[in-house]
């Protein structure tokens, strides 16, 4: 998978700037490639949760953008 899968990569923001008050789309970019999570997430104290369920997810995202419904 390459950056073209992510659409306009300029839309993505560094994970350090991720807000806590809205649904986000997360991306993980590593040696294996680019991976987008297919469900909305929210930043919480100590990590990330699925926006719809509040269940924790174990992920180390590198980028975020607003979730597109």
PDB file of N, CA and C in Angstrom:
ATOM      1  N   UNK A   1       0.860  -1.162   0.000  1.00  0.00           N
ATOM      2  CA  UNK A   1       0.000   0.000   0.000  1.00  0.00           C
ATOM      3  C   UNK A   1       0.911   1.231   0.000  1.00  0.00           C
ATOM      4  N   UNK A   2       0.515   2.260  -0.714  1.00  0.00           N
ATOM      5  CA  UNK A   2       1.337   3.459  -0.760  1.00  0.00           C
ATOM      6  C   UNK A   2       0.542   4.679  -0.325  1.00  0.00           C
ATOM      7  N   UNK A   3       1.180   5.823  -0.338  1.00  0.00           N
ATOM      8  CA  UNK A   3       0.534   7.042   0.129  1.00  0.00           C
ATOM      9  C   UNK A   3      -0.652   7.448  -0.733  1.00  0.00           C
ATOM     10  N   UNK A   4      -0.720   6.972  -1.976  1.00  0.00           N
ATOM     11  CA  UNK A   4      -1.858   7.309  -2.818  1.00  0.00           C
ATOM     12  C   UNK A   4      -3.159   6.779  -2.226  1.00  0.00           C
ATOM     13  N   UNK A   5      -3.091   5.663  -1.510  1.00  0.00           N
ATOM     14  CA  UNK A   5      -4.280   5.100  -0.869  1.00  0.00           C
ATOM     15  C   UNK A   5      -4.858   6.075   0.144  1.00  0.00           C
ATOM     16  N   UNK A   6      -4.028   6.892   0.732  1.00  0.00           N
ATOM     17  CA  UNK A   6      -4.485   7.839   1.732  1.00  0.00           C
ATOM     18  C   UNK A   6      -5.093   9.099   1.114  1.00  0.00           C
ATOM     19  N   UNK A   7      -5.184   9.141  -0.197  1.00  0.00           N
ATOM     20  CA  UNK A   7      -5.722  10.340  -0.837  1.00  0.00           C
ATOM     21  C   UNK A   7      -4.715  11.463  -0.758  1.00  0.00           C
ATOM     22  N   UNK A   8      -5.175  12.640  -0.461  1.00  0.00           N
ATOM     23  CA  UNK A   8      -4.290  13.792  -0.349  1.00  0.00           C
ATOM     24  C   UNK A   8      -3.564  13.727   0.992  1.00  0.00           C
ATOM     25  N   UNK A   9      -2.328  13.313   0.976  1.00  0.00           N
ATOM     26  CA  UNK A   9      -1.585  13.141   2.222  1.00  0.00           C
ATOM     27  C   UNK A   9      -1.457  14.456   2.979  1.00  0.00           C
ATOM     28  N   UNK A  10      -1.595  15.566   2.295  1.00  0.00           N
ATOM     29  CA  UNK A  10      -1.501  16.861   2.956  1.00  0.00           C
ATOM     30  C   UNK A  10      -2.651  17.077   3.940  1.00  0.00           C
ATOM     31  N   UNK A  11      -3.735  16.316   3.816  1.00  0.00           N
ATOM     32  CA  UNK A  11      -4.862  16.414   4.750  1.00  0.00           C
ATOM     33  C   UNK A  11      -4.528  15.845   6.125  1.00  0.00           C
ATOM     34  N   UNK A  12      -3.517  15.009   6.187  1.00  0.00           N
ATOM     35  CA  UNK A  12      -3.175  14.326   7.429  1.00  0.00           C
ATOM     36  C   UNK A  12      -2.315  15.225   8.310  1.00  0.00           C
ATOM     37  N   UNK A  13      -2.562  15.134   9.616  1.00  0.00           N
ATOM     38  CA  UNK A  13      -1.838  15.933  10.603  1.00  0.00           C
ATOM     39  C   UNK A  13      -0.982  15.025  11.481  1.00  0.00           C
ATOM     40  N   UNK A  14       0.110  15.537  12.037  1.00  0.00           N
ATOM     41  CA  UNK A  14       0.926  14.740  12.956  1.00  0.00           C
ATOM     42  C   UNK A  14       0.110  14.328  14.180  1.00  0.00           C
ATOM     43  N   UNK A  15       0.345  13.140  14.658  1.00  0.00           N
ATOM     44  CA  UNK A  15      -0.457  12.591  15.747  1.00  0.00           C
ATOM     45  C   UNK A  15      -0.366  13.424  17.024  1.00  0.00           C
ATOM     46  N   UNK A  16       0.730  14.105  17.237  1.00  0.00           N
ATOM     47  CA  UNK A  16       0.888  14.919  18.451  1.00  0.00           C
ATOM     48  C   UNK A  16      -0.149  16.033  18.533  1.00  0.00           C
ATOM     49  N   UNK A  17      -0.719  16.422  17.409  1.00  0.00           N
ATOM     50  CA  UNK A  17      -1.709  17.507  17.407  1.00  0.00           C
ATOM     51  C   UNK A  17      -3.151  17.002  17.430  1.00  0.00           C
ATOM     52  N   UNK A  18      -3.360  15.710  17.617  1.00  0.00           N
ATOM     53  CA  UNK A  18      -4.713  15.137  17.592  1.00  0.00           C
ATOM     54  C   UNK A  18      -5.577  15.679  18.727  1.00  0.00           C
ATOM     55  N   UNK A  19      -6.777  16.174  18.396  1.00  0.00           N
ATOM     56  CA  UNK A  19      -7.676  16.680  19.443  1.00  0.00           C
ATOM     57  C   UNK A  19      -8.362  15.540  20.189  1.00  0.00           C
ATOM     58  N   UNK A  20      -8.977  15.870  21.304  1.00  0.00           N
ATOM     59  CA  UNK A  20      -9.676  14.862  22.106  1.00  0.00           C
ATOM     60  C   UNK A  20     -11.188  14.976  21.994  1.00  0.00           C
ATOM     61  N   UNK A  21     -11.675  15.921  21.234  1.00  0.00           N
ATOM     62  CA  UNK A  21     -13.099  16.220  21.268  1.00  0.00           C
ATOM     63  C   UNK A  21     -13.872  15.833  20.014  1.00  0.00           C
ATOM     64  N   UNK A  22     -13.311  14.992  19.165  1.00  0.00           N
ATOM     65  CA  UNK A  22     -14.058  14.613  17.959  1.00  0.00           C
ATOM     66  C   UNK A  22     -13.556  13.298  17.372  1.00  0.00           C
ATOM     67  N   UNK A  23     -14.393  12.732  16.479  1.00  0.00           N
ATOM     68  CA  UNK A  23     -14.052  11.481  15.815  1.00  0.00           C
ATOM     69  C   UNK A  23     -12.936  11.725  14.805  1.00  0.00           C
ATOM     70  N   UNK A  24     -11.955  10.825  14.812  1.00  0.00           N
ATOM     71  CA  UNK A  24     -10.790  10.965  13.952  1.00  0.00           C
ATOM     72  C   UNK A  24     -10.544   9.694  13.156  1.00  0.00           C
ATOM     73  N   UNK A  25      -9.936   9.860  12.009  1.00  0.00           N
ATOM     74  CA  UNK A  25      -9.412   8.752  11.223  1.00  0.00           C
ATOM     75  C   UNK A  25      -7.921   8.692  11.521  1.00  0.00           C
ATOM     76  N   UNK A  26      -7.432   7.503  11.821  1.00  0.00           N
ATOM     77  CA  UNK A  26      -6.028   7.348  12.161  1.00  0.00           C
ATOM     78  C   UNK A  26      -5.277   6.597  11.077  1.00  0.00           C
ATOM     79  N   UNK A  27      -4.002   6.936  10.945  1.00  0.00           N
ATOM     80  CA  UNK A  27      -3.120   6.228  10.022  1.00  0.00           C
ATOM     81  C   UNK A  27      -1.855   5.829  10.770  1.00  0.00           C
ATOM     82  N   UNK A  28      -1.361   4.668  10.418  1.00  0.00           N
ATOM     83  CA  UNK A  28      -0.091   4.180  10.931  1.00  0.00           C
ATOM     84  C   UNK A  28       0.826   4.004   9.730  1.00  0.00           C
ATOM     85  N   UNK A  29       1.960   4.653   9.785  1.00  0.00           N
ATOM     86  CA  UNK A  29       2.936   4.531   8.704  1.00  0.00           C
ATOM     87  C   UNK A  29       4.190   3.928   9.308  1.00  0.00           C
ATOM     88  N   UNK A  30       4.562   2.753   8.794  1.00  0.00           N
ATOM     89  CA  UNK A  30       5.749   2.076   9.316  1.00  0.00           C
ATOM     90  C   UNK A  30       6.486   1.368   8.182  1.00  0.00           C
ATOM     91  N   UNK A  31       7.449   0.562   8.522  1.00  0.00           N
ATOM     92  CA  UNK A  31       8.262  -0.129   7.512  1.00  0.00           C
ATOM     93  C   UNK A  31       7.419  -1.037   6.617  1.00  0.00           C
ATOM     94  N   UNK A  32       6.298  -1.497   7.119  1.00  0.00           N
ATOM     95  CA  UNK A  32       5.426  -2.379   6.342  1.00  0.00           C
ATOM     96  C   UNK A  32       4.509  -1.608   5.402  1.00  0.00           C
ATOM     97  N   UNK A  33       4.434  -0.291   5.548  1.00  0.00           N
ATOM     98  CA  UNK A  33       3.600   0.512   4.662  1.00  0.00           C
ATOM     99  C   UNK A  33       2.675   1.448   5.408  1.00  0.00           C
ATOM    100  N   UNK A  34       1.626   1.837   4.729  1.00  0.00           N
ATOM    101  CA  UNK A  34       0.633   2.770   5.258  1.00  0.00           C
ATOM    102  C   UNK A  34      -0.632   1.992   5.578  1.00  0.00           C
ATOM    103  N   UNK A  35      -1.163   2.224   6.764  1.00  0.00           N
ATOM    104  CA  UNK A  35      -2.356   1.513   7.194  1.00  0.00           C
ATOM    105  C   UNK A  35      -3.339   2.516   7.791  1.00  0.00           C
ATOM    106  N   UNK A  36      -4.562   2.536   7.282  1.00  0.00           N
ATOM    107  CA  UNK A  36      -5.627   3.371   7.827  1.00  0.00           C
ATOM    108  C   UNK A  36      -6.553   2.496   8.661  1.00  0.00           C
ATOM    109  N   UNK A  37      -7.000   3.006   9.776  1.00  0.00           N
ATOM    110  CA  UNK A  37      -8.030   2.290  10.521  1.00  0.00           C
ATOM    111  C   UNK A  37      -9.364   2.577   9.851  1.00  0.00           C
ATOM    112  N   UNK A  38     -10.222   1.573   9.797  1.00  0.00           N
ATOM    113  CA  UNK A  38     -11.475   1.673   9.041  1.00  0.00           C
ATOM    114  C   UNK A  38     -12.667   2.073   9.908  1.00  0.00           C
ATOM    115  N   UNK A  39     -12.391   2.518  11.121  1.00  0.00           N
ATOM    116  CA  UNK A  39     -13.442   2.948  12.038  1.00  0.00           C
ATOM    117  C   UNK A  39     -12.975   4.229  12.722  1.00  0.00           C
ATOM    118  N   UNK A  40     -13.922   5.080  13.139  1.00  0.00           N
ATOM    119  CA  UNK A  40     -13.538   6.323  13.805  1.00  0.00           C
ATOM    120  C   UNK A  40     -12.979   6.058  15.203  1.00  0.00           C
ATOM    121  N   UNK A  41     -12.022   6.888  15.590  1.00  0.00           N
ATOM    122  CA  UNK A  41     -11.369   6.749  16.886  1.00  0.00           C
ATOM    123  C   UNK A  41     -11.430   8.069  17.633  1.00  0.00           C
ATOM    124  N   UNK A  42     -11.242   7.979  18.930  1.00  0.00           N
ATOM    125  CA  UNK A  42     -11.144   9.175  19.769  1.00  0.00           C
ATOM    126  C   UNK A  42      -9.926   9.050  20.670  1.00  0.00           C
ATOM    127  N   UNK A  43      -9.260  10.172  20.849  1.00  0.00           N
ATOM    128  CA  UNK A  43      -8.118  10.222  21.763  1.00  0.00           C
ATOM    129  C   UNK A  43      -8.642  10.389  23.184  1.00  0.00           C
ATOM    130  N   UNK A  44      -8.122   9.587  24.100  1.00  0.00           N
ATOM    131  CA  UNK A  44      -8.502   9.665  25.512  1.00  0.00           C
ATOM    132  C   UNK A  44      -7.226   9.626  26.337  1.00  0.00           C
ATOM    133  N   UNK A  45      -7.353   9.932  27.630  1.00  0.00           N
ATOM    134  CA  UNK A  45      -6.189   9.822  28.509  1.00  0.00           C
ATOM    135  C   UNK A  45      -5.625   8.415  28.421  1.00  0.00           C
ATOM    136  N   UNK A  46      -4.391   8.308  28.076  1.00  0.00           N
ATOM    137  CA  UNK A  46      -3.736   7.011  28.037  1.00  0.00           C
ATOM    138  C   UNK A  46      -3.823   6.269  26.720  1.00  0.00           C
ATOM    139  N   UNK A  47      -4.442   6.849  25.691  1.00  0.00           N
ATOM    140  CA  UNK A  47      -4.463   6.127  24.421  1.00  0.00           C
ATOM    141  C   UNK A  47      -5.627   6.464  23.516  1.00  0.00           C
ATOM    142  N   UNK A  48      -6.151   5.427  22.873  1.00  0.00           N
ATOM    143  CA  UNK A  48      -7.184   5.578  21.849  1.00  0.00           C
ATOM    144  C   UNK A  48      -8.306   4.589  22.081  1.00  0.00           C
ATOM    145  N   UNK A  49      -9.524   5.007  21.704  1.00  0.00           N
ATOM    146  CA  UNK A  49     -10.693   4.127  21.793  1.00  0.00           C
ATOM    147  C   UNK A  49     -11.469   4.199  20.486  1.00  0.00           C
ATOM    148  N   UNK A  50     -12.277   3.166  20.249  1.00  0.00           N
ATOM    149  CA  UNK A  50     -13.234   3.217  19.137  1.00  0.00           C
ATOM    150  C   UNK A  50     -14.292   4.247  19.499  1.00  0.00           C
ATOM    151  N   UNK A  51     -14.568   5.148  18.588  1.00  0.00           N
ATOM    152  CA  UNK A  51     -15.521   6.222  18.869  1.00  0.00           C
ATOM    153  C   UNK A  51     -16.910   5.685  19.179  1.00  0.00           C
ATOM    154  N   UNK A  52     -17.351   4.654  18.493  1.00  0.00           N
ATOM    155  CA  UNK A  52     -18.703   4.144  18.669  1.00  0.00           C
ATOM    156  C   UNK A  52     -18.928   3.340  19.922  1.00  0.00           C
ATOM    157  N   UNK A  53     -17.875   2.706  20.427  1.00  0.00           N
ATOM    158  CA  UNK A  53     -18.046   1.804  21.561  1.00  0.00           C
ATOM    159  C   UNK A  53     -17.294   2.223  22.810  1.00  0.00           C
ATOM    160  N   UNK A  54     -16.275   3.065  22.649  1.00  0.00           N
ATOM    161  CA  UNK A  54     -15.444   3.440  23.786  1.00  0.00           C
ATOM    162  C   UNK A  54     -14.455   2.367  24.185  1.00  0.00           C
ATOM    163  N   UNK A  55     -14.405   1.280  23.404  1.00  0.00           N
ATOM    164  CA  UNK A  55     -13.471   0.189  23.717  1.00  0.00           C
ATOM    165  C   UNK A  55     -12.054   0.589  23.323  1.00  0.00           C
ATOM    166  N   UNK A  56     -11.088   0.328  24.185  1.00  0.00           N
ATOM    167  CA  UNK A  56      -9.695   0.678  23.884  1.00  0.00           C
ATOM    168  C   UNK A  56      -9.165  -0.089  22.668  1.00  0.00           C
ATOM    169  N   UNK A  57      -8.302   0.562  21.928  1.00  0.00           N
ATOM    170  CA  UNK A  57      -7.600  -0.106  20.838  1.00  0.00           C
ATOM    171  C   UNK A  57      -6.102   0.078  21.082  1.00  0.00           C
ATOM    172  N   UNK A  58      -5.350  -0.917  20.697  1.00  0.00           N
ATOM    173  CA  UNK A  58      -3.900  -0.854  20.844  1.00  0.00           C
ATOM    174  C   UNK A  58      -3.332  -0.487  19.482  1.00  0.00           C
ATOM    175  N   UNK A  59      -2.891   0.766  19.384  1.00  0.00           N
ATOM    176  CA  UNK A  59      -2.379   1.253  18.121  1.00  0.00           C
ATOM    177  C   UNK A  59      -1.374   2.367  18.415  1.00  0.00           C
ATOM    178  N   UNK A  60      -0.432   2.525  17.533  1.00  0.00           N
ATOM    179  CA  UNK A  60       0.549   3.599  17.638  1.00  0.00           C
ATOM    180  C   UNK A  60       0.464   4.437  16.372  1.00  0.00           C
ATOM    181  N   UNK A  61      -0.590   5.256  16.265  1.00  0.00           N
ATOM    182  CA  UNK A  61      -0.800   6.018  15.042  1.00  0.00           C
ATOM    183  C   UNK A  61       0.270   7.079  14.853  1.00  0.00           C
ATOM    184  N   UNK A  62       0.480   7.447  13.596  1.00  0.00           N
ATOM    185  CA  UNK A  62       1.453   8.478  13.265  1.00  0.00           C
ATOM    186  C   UNK A  62       0.785   9.741  12.737  1.00  0.00           C
ATOM    187  N   UNK A  63      -0.439   9.606  12.211  1.00  0.00           N
ATOM    188  CA  UNK A  63      -1.150  10.734  11.609  1.00  0.00           C
ATOM    189  C   UNK A  63      -2.648  10.623  11.880  1.00  0.00           C
ATOM    190  N   UNK A  64      -3.329  11.748  11.764  1.00  0.00           N
ATOM    191  CA  UNK A  64      -4.774  11.780  11.941  1.00  0.00           C
ATOM    192  C   UNK A  64      -5.385  12.794  10.991  1.00  0.00           C
ATOM    193  N   UNK A  65      -6.706  12.647  10.780  1.00  0.00           N
ATOM    194  CA  UNK A  65      -7.518  13.657  10.104  1.00  0.00           C
ATOM    195  C   UNK A  65      -8.942  13.471  10.584  1.00  0.00           C
ATOM    196  N   UNK A  66      -9.793  14.461  10.337  1.00  0.00           N
ATOM    197  CA  UNK A  66     -11.188  14.339  10.749  1.00  0.00           C
ATOM    198  C   UNK A  66     -11.832  13.148  10.055  1.00  0.00           C
ATOM    199  N   UNK A  67     -12.669  12.441  10.787  1.00  0.00           N
ATOM    200  CA  UNK A  67     -13.405  11.305  10.226  1.00  0.00           C
ATOM    201  C   UNK A  67     -14.423  11.812   9.227  1.00  0.00           C
ATOM    202  N   UNK A  68     -14.431  11.243   8.052  1.00  0.00           N
ATOM    203  CA  UNK A  68     -15.376  11.613   7.016  1.00  0.00           C
ATOM    204  C   UNK A  68     -16.538  10.631   7.032  1.00  0.00           C
ATOM    205  N   UNK A  69     -17.733  11.098   7.374  1.00  0.00           N
ATOM    206  CA  UNK A  69     -18.885  10.206   7.464  1.00  0.00           C
ATOM    207  C   UNK A  69     -19.443   9.890   6.100  1.00  0.00           C
TER     208      UNK A  69
END
